[in-house]
Amino acid sequence: MADELEELVTRIKAKDLKEEAKKRGIKTSCVKKVDIAKQLPREVVEELSAKE
């Protein structure tokens, strides 16, 4: 499951990921993309990766 998440994250732009995190009050500074994605709902991460 972690590998699958990392694969999804590689397809997401950092800017888009951070915008979604900020909407939910998740810290985005000094945090890796994968760590942000772990805190977001799975549906959001899948939707962002499908955008590309």
N, C-alpha and C. Protein backbone atom coordinates (compact mmCIF):
# COMPACT_ATOMS: atom_id res chain seq x y z
N MET A 1 0.82 -1.19 0.00
CA MET A 1 0.00 0.00 0.00
C MET A 1 0.87 1.27 0.00
N ALA A 2 1.96 1.26 0.75
CA ALA A 2 2.85 2.41 0.79
C ALA A 2 3.48 2.65 -0.57
N ASP A 3 3.85 1.58 -1.26
CA ASP A 3 4.43 1.72 -2.59
C ASP A 3 3.41 2.31 -3.56
N GLU A 4 2.17 1.88 -3.42
CA GLU A 4 1.10 2.38 -4.28
C GLU A 4 0.90 3.88 -4.03
N LEU A 5 0.94 4.29 -2.78
CA LEU A 5 0.80 5.70 -2.43
C LEU A 5 1.94 6.51 -3.01
N GLU A 6 3.16 6.02 -2.89
CA GLU A 6 4.32 6.71 -3.43
C GLU A 6 4.21 6.86 -4.95
N GLU A 7 3.68 5.84 -5.60
CA GLU A 7 3.51 5.89 -7.05
C GLU A 7 2.50 6.98 -7.43
N LEU A 8 1.42 7.09 -6.67
CA LEU A 8 0.42 8.13 -6.92
C LEU A 8 1.03 9.52 -6.71
N VAL A 9 1.80 9.66 -5.66
CA VAL A 9 2.39 10.95 -5.32
C VAL A 9 3.35 11.44 -6.39
N THR A 10 4.05 10.54 -7.05
CA THR A 10 5.00 10.95 -8.09
C THR A 10 4.28 11.61 -9.26
N ARG A 11 3.00 11.32 -9.42
CA ARG A 11 2.23 11.90 -10.53
C ARG A 11 1.58 13.23 -10.17
N ILE A 12 1.68 13.64 -8.92
CA ILE A 12 1.02 14.86 -8.45
C ILE A 12 2.03 15.99 -8.36
N LYS A 13 1.61 17.16 -8.81
CA LYS A 13 2.46 18.35 -8.68
C LYS A 13 2.44 18.78 -7.21
N ALA A 14 3.59 19.20 -6.72
CA ALA A 14 3.71 19.62 -5.32
C ALA A 14 2.75 20.76 -5.00
N LYS A 15 2.59 21.67 -5.93
CA LYS A 15 1.71 22.82 -5.73
C LYS A 15 0.27 22.36 -5.47
N ASP A 16 -0.23 21.43 -6.28
CA ASP A 16 -1.59 20.93 -6.12
C ASP A 16 -1.76 20.21 -4.78
N LEU A 17 -0.77 19.43 -4.43
CA LEU A 17 -0.81 18.67 -3.18
C LEU A 17 -0.84 19.62 -1.98
N LYS A 18 -0.02 20.65 -2.03
CA LYS A 18 0.04 21.61 -0.93
C LYS A 18 -1.25 22.41 -0.81
N GLU A 19 -1.87 22.74 -1.94
CA GLU A 19 -3.13 23.47 -1.91
C GLU A 19 -4.21 22.66 -1.20
N GLU A 20 -4.30 21.39 -1.51
CA GLU A 20 -5.29 20.52 -0.86
C GLU A 20 -5.00 20.38 0.63
N ALA A 21 -3.73 20.30 0.98
CA ALA A 21 -3.35 20.17 2.39
C ALA A 21 -3.72 21.43 3.16
N LYS A 22 -3.47 22.58 2.57
CA LYS A 22 -3.79 23.85 3.24
C LYS A 22 -5.28 23.99 3.47
N LYS A 23 -6.10 23.50 2.55
CA LYS A 23 -7.55 23.55 2.72
C LYS A 23 -7.98 22.78 3.96
N ARG A 24 -7.21 21.76 4.31
CA ARG A 24 -7.54 20.89 5.44
C ARG A 24 -6.73 21.20 6.69
N GLY A 25 -5.93 22.26 6.64
CA GLY A 25 -5.15 22.67 7.80
C GLY A 25 -3.96 21.78 8.10
N ILE A 26 -3.41 21.13 7.07
CA ILE A 26 -2.25 20.26 7.24
C ILE A 26 -0.98 21.06 6.97
N LYS A 27 0.01 20.91 7.84
CA LYS A 27 1.29 21.62 7.70
C LYS A 27 1.97 21.19 6.40
N THR A 28 2.48 22.17 5.65
CA THR A 28 3.11 21.85 4.37
C THR A 28 4.57 22.28 4.28
N SER A 29 5.06 23.03 5.23
CA SER A 29 6.45 23.46 5.15
C SER A 29 7.37 22.41 5.75
N CYS A 30 8.49 22.20 5.11
CA CYS A 30 9.50 21.22 5.56
C CYS A 30 8.94 19.79 5.64
N VAL A 31 8.04 19.45 4.75
CA VAL A 31 7.42 18.12 4.73
C VAL A 31 7.51 17.58 3.31
N LYS A 32 7.83 16.30 3.17
CA LYS A 32 7.90 15.67 1.86
C LYS A 32 6.50 15.47 1.29
N LYS A 33 6.42 15.38 -0.03
CA LYS A 33 5.13 15.19 -0.69
C LYS A 33 4.43 13.93 -0.19
N VAL A 34 5.15 12.86 -0.01
CA VAL A 34 4.54 11.60 0.41
C VAL A 34 3.97 11.73 1.83
N ASP A 35 4.64 12.50 2.69
CA ASP A 35 4.14 12.69 4.05
C ASP A 35 2.85 13.51 4.06
N ILE A 36 2.76 14.48 3.16
CA ILE A 36 1.52 15.24 3.04
C ILE A 36 0.42 14.32 2.55
N ALA A 37 0.72 13.51 1.55
CA ALA A 37 -0.28 12.61 0.98
C ALA A 37 -0.81 11.61 2.01
N LYS A 38 0.03 11.17 2.92
CA LYS A 38 -0.40 10.22 3.95
C LYS A 38 -1.45 10.84 4.86
N GLN A 39 -1.43 12.17 5.01
CA GLN A 39 -2.38 12.84 5.89
C GLN A 39 -3.68 13.21 5.18
N LEU A 40 -3.66 13.20 3.87
CA LEU A 40 -4.86 13.51 3.09
C LEU A 40 -5.72 12.26 2.92
N PRO A 41 -7.03 12.45 2.74
CA PRO A 41 -7.89 11.29 2.44
C PRO A 41 -7.45 10.62 1.13
N ARG A 42 -7.56 9.34 1.09
CA ARG A 42 -7.11 8.55 -0.08
C ARG A 42 -7.79 9.03 -1.37
N GLU A 43 -9.06 9.38 -1.29
CA GLU A 43 -9.81 9.81 -2.48
C GLU A 43 -9.20 11.07 -3.09
N VAL A 44 -8.76 11.98 -2.23
CA VAL A 44 -8.16 13.24 -2.70
C VAL A 44 -6.86 12.95 -3.44
N VAL A 45 -6.04 12.09 -2.88
CA VAL A 45 -4.75 11.74 -3.51
C VAL A 45 -5.00 11.08 -4.87
N GLU A 46 -5.96 10.19 -4.94
CA GLU A 46 -6.27 9.52 -6.21
C GLU A 46 -6.81 10.51 -7.25
N GLU A 47 -7.63 11.44 -6.80
CA GLU A 47 -8.18 12.44 -7.70
C GLU A 47 -7.08 13.34 -8.25
N LEU A 48 -6.16 13.76 -7.39
CA LEU A 48 -5.06 14.62 -7.84
C LEU A 48 -4.14 13.88 -8.82
N SER A 49 -3.90 12.61 -8.59
CA SER A 49 -3.01 11.86 -9.49
C SER A 49 -3.68 11.62 -10.84
N ALA A 50 -4.98 11.56 -10.87
CA ALA A 50 -5.71 11.36 -12.12
C ALA A 50 -5.77 12.63 -12.95
N LYS A 51 -5.56 13.77 -12.33
CA LYS A 51 -5.60 15.07 -13.01
C LYS A 51 -4.56 15.16 -14.11
N GLU A 52 -3.40 14.63 -13.89
CA GLU A 52 -2.27 14.78 -14.82
C GLU A 52 -2.51 14.06 -16.12
